[in-house]
C-alpha cells in the first residue's frame, strides 16, 4: 500500500519521509520480529529503498535526512 501511494506522489523527499517514519515507528514500538523472515525482509526492503531514494535527492536533503537514519 505504501509503495502505491508513494508512486502517485512522485516526490523523493516525501518517499524518504514516509519510509523513515515507518521504520522509526517499528523501532520506537520495539516490535520484535521473533525470527519472522517476512517481517525482517519487509524492514530490510524499506531500508534498501531508503538508501536508493537518498541517492536521488539533492545533497542538501541528504545531509538533512542523515541524522534521521542513524537510529535505524
C-alpha atoms as a PDB file:
ATOM      1  CA  UNK A   1       0.000   0.000   0.000  1.00  0.00           C
ATOM      2  CA  UNK A   2       2.821   2.380   0.875  1.00  0.00           C
ATOM      3  CA  UNK A   3       4.596   1.811  -2.452  1.00  0.00           C
ATOM      4  CA  UNK A   4       1.455   2.536  -4.434  1.00  0.00           C
ATOM      5  CA  UNK A   5       0.778   5.789  -2.577  1.00  0.00           C
ATOM      6  CA  UNK A   6       4.390   6.911  -2.899  1.00  0.00           C
ATOM      7  CA  UNK A   7       4.374   6.196  -6.611  1.00  0.00           C
ATOM      8  CA  UNK A   8       1.495   8.638  -7.033  1.00  0.00           C
ATOM      9  CA  UNK A   9       3.330  11.310  -5.068  1.00  0.00           C
ATOM     10  CA  UNK A  10       6.392  11.135  -7.319  1.00  0.00           C
ATOM     11  CA  UNK A  11       8.438  13.149  -4.832  1.00  0.00           C
ATOM     12  CA  UNK A  12      11.587  11.513  -3.435  1.00  0.00           C
ATOM     13  CA  UNK A  13      11.553  13.748  -0.369  1.00  0.00           C
ATOM     14  CA  UNK A  14       8.051  12.540   0.501  1.00  0.00           C
ATOM     15  CA  UNK A  15       9.132   8.968  -0.109  1.00  0.00           C
ATOM     16  CA  UNK A  16      12.041   9.365   2.287  1.00  0.00           C
ATOM     17  CA  UNK A  17       9.869  10.949   4.977  1.00  0.00           C
ATOM     18  CA  UNK A  18       7.262   8.193   4.825  1.00  0.00           C
ATOM     19  CA  UNK A  19       9.721   5.305   4.727  1.00  0.00           C
ATOM     20  CA  UNK A  20      11.858   6.744   7.535  1.00  0.00           C
ATOM     21  CA  UNK A  21       8.729   7.334   9.612  1.00  0.00           C
ATOM     22  CA  UNK A  22       7.624   3.728   9.041  1.00  0.00           C
ATOM     23  CA  UNK A  23      10.989   2.288  10.099  1.00  0.00           C
ATOM     24  CA  UNK A  24      11.282   4.654  13.054  1.00  0.00           C
ATOM     25  CA  UNK A  25       7.829   3.640  14.342  1.00  0.00           C
ATOM     26  CA  UNK A  26       8.834  -0.021  14.201  1.00  0.00           C
ATOM     27  CA  UNK A  27      11.925   0.799  16.289  1.00  0.00           C
ATOM     28  CA  UNK A  28      10.022   3.032  18.741  1.00  0.00           C
ATOM     29  CA  UNK A  29       7.340   0.409  19.345  1.00  0.00           C
ATOM     30  CA  UNK A  30      10.103  -2.159  19.845  1.00  0.00           C
ATOM     31  CA  UNK A  31       8.356  -4.568  17.544  1.00  0.00           C
ATOM     32  CA  UNK A  32      10.131  -7.881  17.748  1.00  0.00           C
ATOM     33  CA  UNK A  33      10.194  -9.862  14.542  1.00  0.00           C
ATOM     34  CA  UNK A  34      10.782 -13.038  16.521  1.00  0.00           C
ATOM     35  CA  UNK A  35      12.518 -14.781  13.666  1.00  0.00           C
ATOM     36  CA  UNK A  36       9.723 -13.975  11.230  1.00  0.00           C
ATOM     37  CA  UNK A  37      11.543 -13.781   7.923  1.00  0.00           C
ATOM     38  CA  UNK A  38       8.707 -11.952   6.180  1.00  0.00           C
ATOM     39  CA  UNK A  39       8.796  -9.089   8.696  1.00  0.00           C
ATOM     40  CA  UNK A  40      12.581  -8.977   8.696  1.00  0.00           C
ATOM     41  CA  UNK A  41      12.631  -8.863   4.893  1.00  0.00           C
ATOM     42  CA  UNK A  42       9.974  -6.137   4.843  1.00  0.00           C
ATOM     43  CA  UNK A  43      12.053  -3.961   7.182  1.00  0.00           C
ATOM     44  CA  UNK A  44      15.259  -4.657   5.238  1.00  0.00           C
ATOM     45  CA  UNK A  45      13.499  -3.821   1.965  1.00  0.00           C
ATOM     46  CA  UNK A  46      12.360  -0.478   3.364  1.00  0.00           C
ATOM     47  CA  UNK A  47      15.938   0.320   4.410  1.00  0.00           C
ATOM     48  CA  UNK A  48      17.177  -0.551   0.906  1.00  0.00           C
ATOM     49  CA  UNK A  49      14.527   1.668  -0.656  1.00  0.00           C
ATOM     50  CA  UNK A  50      15.549   4.496   1.679  1.00  0.00           C
ATOM     51  CA  UNK A  51      19.163   4.131   0.523  1.00  0.00           C
ATOM     52  CA  UNK A  52      18.122   4.211  -3.140  1.00  0.00           C
ATOM     53  CA  UNK A  53      15.915   7.263  -2.613  1.00  0.00           C
ATOM     54  CA  UNK A  54      18.748   9.031  -0.753  1.00  0.00           C
ATOM     55  CA  UNK A  55      20.924   8.722  -3.853  1.00  0.00           C
ATOM     56  CA  UNK A  56      18.286  10.520  -5.925  1.00  0.00           C
ATOM     57  CA  UNK A  57      17.760  13.599  -3.743  1.00  0.00           C
ATOM     58  CA  UNK A  58      19.813  16.777  -3.584  1.00  0.00           C
ATOM     59  CA  UNK A  59      22.949  16.594  -1.372  1.00  0.00           C
ATOM     60  CA  UNK A  60      21.493  19.225   0.965  1.00  0.00           C
ATOM     61  CA  UNK A  61      18.488  16.991   1.590  1.00  0.00           C
ATOM     62  CA  UNK A  62      20.778  14.013   2.077  1.00  0.00           C
ATOM     63  CA  UNK A  63      22.552  15.977   4.788  1.00  0.00           C
ATOM     64  CA  UNK A  64      19.188  16.782   6.419  1.00  0.00           C
ATOM     65  CA  UNK A  65      17.983  13.164   6.348  1.00  0.00           C
ATOM     66  CA  UNK A  66      21.222  11.522   7.536  1.00  0.00           C
ATOM     67  CA  UNK A  67      20.639  12.215  11.270  1.00  0.00           C
ATOM     68  CA  UNK A  68      17.209  10.598  10.995  1.00  0.00           C
ATOM     69  CA  UNK A  69      18.743   7.457   9.527  1.00  0.00           C
ATOM     70  CA  UNK A  70      21.285   6.969  12.300  1.00  0.00           C
ATOM     71  CA  UNK A  71      18.854   5.151  14.609  1.00  0.00           C
ATOM     72  CA  UNK A  72      17.505   2.777  12.014  1.00  0.00           C
END
